[in-house]
Amino acid sequence: MTIDPDCIFCKIAGGEIPSKIFYQDDEVIAFHDIRPHAPVHFLIVPREHIPTLQDCGEHHQGLLGKMVALAPKLAAEQGITNGFRVVVNNGQDGGQEVFHLHVHVMGGPRPWKIG
């Protein structure tokens, strides 16, 4: 598994930087976003350092499926009951700020600050 020692998400996954992690297994972690755009806003992040969605290949299908399949389960556990958004920003022009693949899950009563 590839890890980038300079990546903030790799550091969070490795326990080097504190975060509000509420789910973790051998492949992914989930934690609350430090700049939430909705009442509930968390990230699902692979432990493996994959810079962007464009860097994924066929061998990542299981991981990507797992991340998306976890979204409704974790959303419900976080109290989201009336729908949510799942967003993957890809690349600089796609609004990606941290170049480690991650899925945003946002929900809760509207209106939200952004989005």
N, C-alpha and C. Protein backbone atom coordinates (compact mmCIF):
# COMPACT_ATOMS: atom_id res chain seq x y z
N MET A 1 0.85 -1.18 0.00
CA MET A 1 0.00 0.00 0.00
C MET A 1 0.89 1.24 0.00
N THR A 2 0.54 2.20 -0.82
CA THR A 2 1.31 3.43 -0.94
C THR A 2 0.85 4.45 0.09
N ILE A 3 1.82 5.07 0.76
CA ILE A 3 1.58 6.14 1.72
C ILE A 3 2.46 7.32 1.33
N ASP A 4 1.92 8.54 1.41
CA ASP A 4 2.71 9.74 1.15
C ASP A 4 2.99 10.41 2.50
N PRO A 5 4.24 10.46 2.94
CA PRO A 5 4.55 11.01 4.25
C PRO A 5 4.22 12.50 4.40
N ASP A 6 3.99 13.20 3.28
CA ASP A 6 3.65 14.62 3.34
C ASP A 6 2.15 14.88 3.21
N CYS A 7 1.35 13.83 3.05
CA CYS A 7 -0.10 13.97 2.83
C CYS A 7 -0.85 14.04 4.15
N ILE A 8 -1.68 15.04 4.31
CA ILE A 8 -2.43 15.21 5.56
C ILE A 8 -3.38 14.03 5.81
N PHE A 9 -4.01 13.48 4.76
CA PHE A 9 -4.92 12.35 4.96
C PHE A 9 -4.16 11.08 5.30
N CYS A 10 -2.97 10.90 4.73
CA CYS A 10 -2.14 9.75 5.12
C CYS A 10 -1.75 9.88 6.59
N LYS A 11 -1.46 11.10 7.02
CA LYS A 11 -1.09 11.34 8.42
C LYS A 11 -2.28 11.10 9.35
N ILE A 12 -3.47 11.49 8.94
CA ILE A 12 -4.67 11.23 9.74
C ILE A 12 -4.90 9.73 9.84
N ALA A 13 -4.82 9.04 8.69
CA ALA A 13 -5.03 7.59 8.67
C ALA A 13 -3.99 6.86 9.52
N GLY A 14 -2.78 7.41 9.58
CA GLY A 14 -1.71 6.80 10.37
C GLY A 14 -1.71 7.20 11.83
N GLY A 15 -2.68 8.04 12.24
CA GLY A 15 -2.77 8.45 13.63
C GLY A 15 -1.79 9.55 14.02
N GLU A 16 -1.14 10.18 13.05
CA GLU A 16 -0.17 11.23 13.34
C GLU A 16 -0.83 12.58 13.60
N ILE A 17 -2.02 12.79 13.03
CA ILE A 17 -2.76 14.04 13.20
C ILE A 17 -4.12 13.68 13.78
N PRO A 18 -4.51 14.32 14.87
CA PRO A 18 -5.81 14.00 15.46
C PRO A 18 -6.97 14.41 14.54
N SER A 19 -8.01 13.63 14.58
CA SER A 19 -9.21 13.90 13.79
C SER A 19 -10.38 13.21 14.46
N LYS A 20 -11.58 13.63 14.09
CA LYS A 20 -12.79 13.01 14.64
C LYS A 20 -13.17 11.79 13.80
N ILE A 21 -12.33 10.75 13.88
CA ILE A 21 -12.57 9.51 13.14
C ILE A 21 -13.70 8.75 13.83
N PHE A 22 -14.69 8.33 13.06
CA PHE A 22 -15.79 7.56 13.64
C PHE A 22 -15.98 6.20 12.97
N TYR A 23 -15.20 5.94 11.92
CA TYR A 23 -15.24 4.62 11.29
C TYR A 23 -13.85 4.35 10.74
N GLN A 24 -13.39 3.11 10.89
CA GLN A 24 -12.14 2.71 10.25
C GLN A 24 -12.09 1.20 10.12
N ASP A 25 -11.44 0.78 9.05
CA ASP A 25 -11.15 -0.64 8.85
C ASP A 25 -9.80 -0.71 8.14
N ASP A 26 -9.47 -1.84 7.57
CA ASP A 26 -8.16 -2.00 6.93
C ASP A 26 -7.99 -1.18 5.65
N GLU A 27 -9.10 -0.76 5.03
CA GLU A 27 -9.02 -0.07 3.74
C GLU A 27 -9.36 1.41 3.79
N VAL A 28 -10.27 1.81 4.68
CA VAL A 28 -10.76 3.20 4.68
C VAL A 28 -10.92 3.72 6.10
N ILE A 29 -10.99 5.05 6.17
CA ILE A 29 -11.36 5.72 7.41
C ILE A 29 -12.44 6.74 7.07
N ALA A 30 -13.24 7.12 8.06
CA ALA A 30 -14.23 8.18 7.89
C ALA A 30 -14.10 9.12 9.08
N PHE A 31 -14.09 10.41 8.77
CA PHE A 31 -13.97 11.42 9.82
C PHE A 31 -14.69 12.69 9.41
N HIS A 32 -15.01 13.51 10.40
CA HIS A 32 -15.74 14.75 10.16
C HIS A 32 -14.83 15.80 9.50
N ASP A 33 -15.39 16.52 8.54
CA ASP A 33 -14.66 17.57 7.83
C ASP A 33 -14.39 18.72 8.79
N ILE A 34 -13.18 19.29 8.71
CA ILE A 34 -12.86 20.39 9.62
C ILE A 34 -13.49 21.72 9.19
N ARG A 35 -13.96 21.79 7.94
CA ARG A 35 -14.68 22.97 7.44
C ARG A 35 -16.01 22.51 6.83
N PRO A 36 -16.95 22.13 7.68
CA PRO A 36 -18.20 21.55 7.15
C PRO A 36 -19.02 22.55 6.34
N HIS A 37 -19.62 22.04 5.28
CA HIS A 37 -20.51 22.82 4.43
C HIS A 37 -21.97 22.46 4.65
N ALA A 38 -22.22 21.55 5.57
CA ALA A 38 -23.58 21.09 5.88
C ALA A 38 -23.60 20.72 7.36
N PRO A 39 -24.79 20.59 7.95
CA PRO A 39 -24.86 20.21 9.37
C PRO A 39 -24.09 18.93 9.68
N VAL A 40 -24.12 17.96 8.75
CA VAL A 40 -23.28 16.77 8.87
C VAL A 40 -22.44 16.71 7.61
N HIS A 41 -21.13 16.69 7.78
CA HIS A 41 -20.21 16.67 6.63
C HIS A 41 -19.01 15.84 7.04
N PHE A 42 -18.87 14.69 6.41
CA PHE A 42 -17.73 13.84 6.71
C PHE A 42 -17.08 13.34 5.43
N LEU A 43 -15.88 12.80 5.59
CA LEU A 43 -15.11 12.28 4.47
C LEU A 43 -14.89 10.79 4.64
N ILE A 44 -14.92 10.07 3.53
CA ILE A 44 -14.52 8.67 3.49
C ILE A 44 -13.24 8.64 2.66
N VAL A 45 -12.16 8.15 3.28
CA VAL A 45 -10.83 8.26 2.71
C VAL A 45 -10.15 6.89 2.69
N PRO A 46 -9.60 6.48 1.55
CA PRO A 46 -8.85 5.22 1.56
C PRO A 46 -7.54 5.39 2.32
N ARG A 47 -7.10 4.33 2.96
CA ARG A 47 -5.80 4.38 3.64
C ARG A 47 -4.66 4.47 2.62
N GLU A 48 -4.85 3.84 1.47
CA GLU A 48 -3.85 3.90 0.40
C GLU A 48 -3.83 5.31 -0.18
N HIS A 49 -2.65 5.83 -0.43
CA HIS A 49 -2.55 7.16 -1.05
C HIS A 49 -2.80 7.04 -2.54
N ILE A 50 -3.95 7.55 -2.96
CA ILE A 50 -4.32 7.64 -4.36
C ILE A 50 -4.61 9.12 -4.59
N PRO A 51 -3.81 9.84 -5.35
CA PRO A 51 -3.96 11.28 -5.45
C PRO A 51 -5.32 11.76 -5.96
N THR A 52 -5.83 11.18 -7.03
CA THR A 52 -7.09 11.65 -7.62
C THR A 52 -7.91 10.46 -8.12
N LEU A 53 -9.14 10.74 -8.44
CA LEU A 53 -10.00 9.71 -9.03
C LEU A 53 -9.42 9.24 -10.36
N GLN A 54 -8.77 10.14 -11.08
CA GLN A 54 -8.16 9.77 -12.36
C GLN A 54 -7.02 8.78 -12.19
N ASP A 55 -6.47 8.67 -11.00
CA ASP A 55 -5.39 7.73 -10.74
C ASP A 55 -5.90 6.33 -10.42
N CYS A 56 -7.20 6.16 -10.39
CA CYS A 56 -7.79 4.84 -10.11
C CYS A 56 -7.84 4.01 -11.37
N GLY A 57 -7.63 2.73 -11.19
CA GLY A 57 -7.73 1.79 -12.30
C GLY A 57 -8.75 0.72 -11.97
N GLU A 58 -8.82 -0.28 -12.85
CA GLU A 58 -9.78 -1.36 -12.63
C GLU A 58 -9.56 -2.06 -11.30
N HIS A 59 -8.31 -2.13 -10.84
CA HIS A 59 -8.03 -2.80 -9.57
C HIS A 59 -8.56 -2.02 -8.36
N HIS A 60 -9.03 -0.79 -8.58
CA HIS A 60 -9.60 0.00 -7.49
C HIS A 60 -11.14 -0.10 -7.43
N GLN A 61 -11.75 -0.87 -8.31
CA GLN A 61 -13.21 -0.94 -8.36
C GLN A 61 -13.81 -1.36 -7.02
N GLY A 62 -13.23 -2.35 -6.38
CA GLY A 62 -13.75 -2.80 -5.10
C GLY A 62 -13.67 -1.72 -4.04
N LEU A 63 -12.55 -1.01 -3.99
CA LEU A 63 -12.37 0.07 -3.02
C LEU A 63 -13.37 1.19 -3.27
N LEU A 64 -13.51 1.61 -4.53
CA LEU A 64 -14.45 2.68 -4.85
C LEU A 64 -15.89 2.28 -4.52
N GLY A 65 -16.24 1.03 -4.84
CA GLY A 65 -17.57 0.54 -4.51
C GLY A 65 -17.80 0.53 -3.01
N LYS A 66 -16.79 0.12 -2.27
CA LYS A 66 -16.90 0.10 -0.81
C LYS A 66 -17.13 1.51 -0.27
N MET A 67 -16.38 2.49 -0.79
CA MET A 67 -16.52 3.87 -0.30
C MET A 67 -17.93 4.40 -0.55
N VAL A 68 -18.46 4.15 -1.73
CA VAL A 68 -19.81 4.63 -2.04
C VAL A 68 -20.86 3.85 -1.25
N ALA A 69 -20.67 2.55 -1.09
CA ALA A 69 -21.62 1.74 -0.34
C ALA A 69 -21.63 2.10 1.15
N LEU A 70 -20.50 2.57 1.67
CA LEU A 70 -20.45 2.99 3.07
C LEU A 70 -21.21 4.28 3.32
N ALA A 71 -21.33 5.13 2.29
CA ALA A 71 -21.94 6.45 2.46
C ALA A 71 -23.32 6.39 3.13
N PRO A 72 -24.29 5.60 2.64
CA PRO A 72 -25.61 5.61 3.30
C PRO A 72 -25.58 5.02 4.71
N LYS A 73 -24.76 4.00 4.92
CA LYS A 73 -24.67 3.39 6.25
C LYS A 73 -24.11 4.39 7.26
N LEU A 74 -23.01 5.04 6.91
CA LEU A 74 -22.39 6.00 7.82
C LEU A 74 -23.25 7.26 7.97
N ALA A 75 -23.91 7.67 6.88
CA ALA A 75 -24.81 8.83 6.96
C ALA A 75 -25.92 8.57 7.98
N ALA A 76 -26.51 7.39 7.92
CA ALA A 76 -27.57 7.05 8.89
C ALA A 76 -27.02 7.03 10.31
N GLU A 77 -25.84 6.47 10.48
CA GLU A 77 -25.23 6.43 11.81
C GLU A 77 -24.92 7.82 12.35
N GLN A 78 -24.70 8.78 11.45
CA GLN A 78 -24.41 10.15 11.85
C GLN A 78 -25.68 11.00 11.97
N GLY A 79 -26.83 10.37 11.82
CA GLY A 79 -28.10 11.07 12.04
C GLY A 79 -28.73 11.69 10.81
N ILE A 80 -28.19 11.42 9.65
CA ILE A 80 -28.80 11.94 8.42
C ILE A 80 -29.98 11.04 8.07
N THR A 81 -31.17 11.62 8.03
CA THR A 81 -32.38 10.81 7.82
C THR A 81 -33.18 11.20 6.58
N ASN A 82 -32.86 12.35 5.97
CA ASN A 82 -33.70 12.83 4.89
C ASN A 82 -32.91 13.12 3.62
N GLY A 83 -31.88 12.33 3.35
CA GLY A 83 -31.10 12.50 2.13
C GLY A 83 -29.76 13.15 2.38
N PHE A 84 -28.86 12.97 1.42
CA PHE A 84 -27.50 13.48 1.54
C PHE A 84 -26.88 13.58 0.16
N ARG A 85 -25.76 14.32 0.09
CA ARG A 85 -24.98 14.43 -1.14
C ARG A 85 -23.71 13.62 -0.99
N VAL A 86 -23.26 13.04 -2.09
CA VAL A 86 -21.97 12.36 -2.16
C VAL A 86 -21.19 13.07 -3.27
N VAL A 87 -20.01 13.60 -2.92
CA VAL A 87 -19.24 14.41 -3.87
C VAL A 87 -17.80 13.93 -3.88
N VAL A 88 -17.24 13.81 -5.09
CA VAL A 88 -15.82 13.56 -5.25
C VAL A 88 -15.27 14.67 -6.14
N ASN A 89 -14.48 15.55 -5.55
CA ASN A 89 -13.80 16.59 -6.32
C ASN A 89 -12.56 15.96 -6.93
N ASN A 90 -12.32 16.23 -8.20
CA ASN A 90 -11.20 15.58 -8.90
C ASN A 90 -10.34 16.60 -9.59
N GLY A 91 -9.10 16.73 -9.14
CA GLY A 91 -8.14 17.63 -9.76
C GLY A 91 -8.37 19.08 -9.39
N GLN A 92 -7.40 19.90 -9.73
CA GLN A 92 -7.43 21.31 -9.37
C GLN A 92 -8.67 22.00 -9.92
N ASP A 93 -8.98 21.80 -11.19
CA ASP A 93 -10.15 22.46 -11.78
C ASP A 93 -11.46 21.87 -11.27
N GLY A 94 -11.40 20.69 -10.66
CA GLY A 94 -12.58 20.06 -10.08
C GLY A 94 -12.79 20.45 -8.62
N GLY A 95 -11.95 21.34 -8.11
CA GLY A 95 -12.11 21.82 -6.75
C GLY A 95 -11.42 20.96 -5.69
N GLN A 96 -10.59 20.01 -6.09
CA GLN A 96 -9.91 19.17 -5.12
C GLN A 96 -8.83 19.98 -4.41
N GLU A 97 -8.87 19.97 -3.07
CA GLU A 97 -7.90 20.73 -2.29
C GLU A 97 -6.82 19.83 -1.68
N VAL A 98 -7.19 18.64 -1.28
CA VAL A 98 -6.23 17.67 -0.76
C VAL A 98 -6.09 16.58 -1.80
N PHE A 99 -4.88 16.38 -2.31
CA PHE A 99 -4.67 15.42 -3.38
C PHE A 99 -4.43 14.03 -2.83
N HIS A 100 -5.49 13.53 -2.22
CA HIS A 100 -5.63 12.15 -1.75
C HIS A 100 -7.12 11.88 -1.94
N LEU A 101 -7.44 10.92 -2.77
CA LEU A 101 -8.83 10.60 -3.09
C LEU A 101 -9.69 10.59 -1.83
N HIS A 102 -10.86 11.21 -1.89
CA HIS A 102 -11.79 11.18 -0.76
C HIS A 102 -13.19 11.48 -1.26
N VAL A 103 -14.16 10.97 -0.52
CA VAL A 103 -15.57 11.17 -0.82
C VAL A 103 -16.16 12.04 0.28
N HIS A 104 -16.80 13.13 -0.10
CA HIS A 104 -17.53 13.97 0.85
C HIS A 104 -18.94 13.44 0.96
N VAL A 105 -19.45 13.33 2.18
CA VAL A 105 -20.85 12.99 2.41
C VAL A 105 -21.42 14.14 3.24
N MET A 106 -22.47 14.79 2.69
CA MET A 106 -23.05 15.97 3.33
C MET A 106 -24.56 15.80 3.44
N GLY A 107 -25.09 16.11 4.62
CA GLY A 107 -26.52 16.02 4.82
C GLY A 107 -26.98 16.84 6.00
N GLY A 108 -28.25 16.74 6.27
CA GLY A 108 -28.85 17.50 7.34
C GLY A 108 -29.78 18.55 6.78
N PRO A 109 -30.52 19.21 7.66
CA PRO A 109 -31.51 20.19 7.21
C PRO A 109 -30.88 21.33 6.39
N ARG A 110 -31.61 21.74 5.39
CA ARG A 110 -31.18 22.86 4.55
C ARG A 110 -31.75 24.15 5.12
N PRO A 111 -31.24 25.32 4.82
CA PRO A 111 -30.19 25.56 3.82
C PRO A 111 -28.80 25.32 4.42
N TRP A 112 -27.89 24.91 3.54
CA TRP A 112 -26.50 24.70 3.93
C TRP A 112 -25.72 25.96 3.63
N LYS A 113 -24.55 26.09 4.23
CA LYS A 113 -23.69 27.25 4.01
C LYS A 113 -23.29 27.36 2.54
N ILE A 114 -22.87 26.22 1.97
CA ILE A 114 -22.39 26.16 0.59
C ILE A 114 -23.00 24.93 -0.07
N GLY A 115 -23.30 25.02 -1.34
CA GLY A 115 -23.75 23.84 -2.06
C GLY A 115 -25.20 23.69 -2.09
